Structures are given as structure tokens and as C-alpha cells.
């Protein structure tokens, strides 16, 4: 039985109010098949603004790079947030361990961002 999820309470009121974050992968490249090395895959980190549905996608070599790309995302959107007068208020996450590190949480704290929301479809 699949339960429905009422998304009404999670709708963003303005740009960057709520940003969903997920890491996809590993996705094997042609190089990994040629070298017979299954560890050569790449990960992709997705940031999705819940207000505009605009997405930013970054390529990672390992999941442990997540905090680095959180910093990069915040740097990349700075122009938008300043011109719109809105800052990222919170991230919606799937509860994966790469989002629960001292470095990740420190970046959120320094930038005044909430980070705890668990998305309804938690990855296995």
C-alpha cells in the first residue's frame, strides 16, 4: 500500500524558502566499463528550489564531497538571493548520512539555514 503525502504544508512561499537536496548515483561512466572498475562511477547532487522548481546539479566523485558542493551551491545562488531579498530558509533532505556530518551542519549553522526536514520518500 502506498500512502499519499499531503504536500500543502511543505509549499514554499517565496524563492529559496525551501530547497530539496538529494544525491543520485553512483552512475557508471563508459570509462568504468572499459577499465572494469565499478568504483569509477559519478554522483550527482541535486538542489531543487520548491518555489520555482529551478534545479542546480553538480557532479561529485564521492558522496563525501557533499559539504563542498553545499558551499558551492550557496555561493552560486548568492546573486539571486541578494537581488530577490530572500535567503535559503531550510533544506529538505532524505536523511542520508552524507547530510549528517559536522561539516555539513556547520555550514548550515553559519548561514542560518535549517536543515532537518525529511522528505516523504526516504531512500532505502
Foldseek 3Di string as FASTA:
>chain_A
DDDDDDCVVVAAPDWLQEKEKDKDDQDDDPVCVVVVNPLQGKIKMWIATRHPRDIDIDIGSDLLCVLVVVVVVQVVCVVVCVVVVHHNAEYEYLPDVSCVDPSNVVVCVVRNHHYDHHDPDRDD
